[in-house]
Structures are given as C-alpha cells and as structure tokens.
Amino acid sequence: MRLRNIRGSRETVASNDYVIHEPEQYKGKWNTIFKNENPIHVEIGMGKGKFIMQLAAMNPDINYIGIEKYSSVLLRALEKSEETELKNLYFIRFDAEYLNDIFGVNEIARIYLNFSDPWPKDRHARRRLTSKEFLKRYDACLKKEGEVIFKTDNRELFDFSLEEVKLAGWELKDVTFDLHNSEYLEGNVMTEYEERFVAKGNPIQKLIAYRN
C-alpha cells in the first residue's frame, strides 16, 4: 500500500516539542531527556501511536520512545499526543537501520515490534525488523535482561522470525500463533492494526525474544 504524503507534515514534525531532533546527540544519555533513571522502552515502527501512548499512560515509571520513519504517519501520533501531554513519552523520526547511532550499550530495557512491514521478497529479508541483522543491532543496545516483543498477523513473517531468533543465538518465550485465544492475552495492549485484524477474525502471533 502506497503511503499518502500529508502536506506540511515534515514541517509540523520538525517544530514539535515532543519530537527529539538530532537524536545522535543523546546516545548513552537518553535519561537526561526524561530527567530520571527509569527504564526505557522503545517501539520501532509505532504508526499512529495508539499502542505506545496507552502504555505510557499506564506506566508513568517507564520512559517510552516511539520511532517512526515517515513524517506523515508520525504526524497522526503527534496530534493524539497533544491531547494527553505525557511526560514519559517522546518521538523520533528515524530509520531503525541506524538504531545504534542513537542508543548506547545497555540503554534500552525493552523493544516492541508491532505489525512490522513483512518485506515479502526474499532479497529484502535483511530489512525485516526481526531479521538476525536487526537482532544484532538490538543486542548492542539492550540491557542484559532486555527483551524484544513482536506481534504480527503475518504467519510467514512470524515463521521467519522464529528461525532468525534461533540463528541469532537468542532464546524464545511466550510464543503463540493465536494470541487472543491463548494464555498470554492478559495485559495485552492492542494497536490500531491489531484491533482491525482481530475484528476480522485473523489470528495474531506473538513472541518474546531474549538473550540467555
């Protein structure tokens, strides 16, 4: 699906106080932004922000950073965030391929990947956010006990992710091929996509990956 560009979205994002500009400056010192030492959770590809905003509202003692590549999408999240003014949530317009340029060693406690782009062509496998290449990036900035939580409705991407986690030498837990009919549903926060897929009766897959 082609992403629709919204006129003025880049300018709006660039002037918003909740968007961190030049994030490279904060590598290794993101807690100076939040002015506390609370753990940092990051959502990569946050879309319109419903998921991360709900988490931030529920967990004031956790700092959240939402990463979105496209200004037109991030703009929708900013419009919602103005209604809540959460002090523990900031956004970055950034390409996650360069994640290690903005986060230091042991800086992130948890990474969320929700309904990520499946990049269905084999030649694009390295671009998938659960590829072993991306897991290597996460390994460089996650705390020892850190984890990656992944949800999708794409069974092929999920099967690929299960294999990549093993190839990368990571461990798996709470794996389910049908989240909403599983023992792992308690406490689940849904994204906009998840609500839509569940309404259609599509099963949602979920895994948690961590390092032993």
Foldseek 3Di string as FASTA:
>chain_A
DDDDDDPCLVVVLVPDPQEDPPLLVCAPPCVVLLVDDAAEEEEEQCFLPPQVVVVCVVCVRYAYEYEHQDSRRPSNNVVVCVVVVRSRYGYYNDQCLPVPSRYAAQRHQEYEYEAFDLPPDPVCNCVTCLALSNVVVCNGHHHQNHKYKYKHLDVVSVVNSVVRLVVNQKDKDPWDQAQVPDPNVPPDDDDPVRVVCVVVVGGMTMMMIHHD
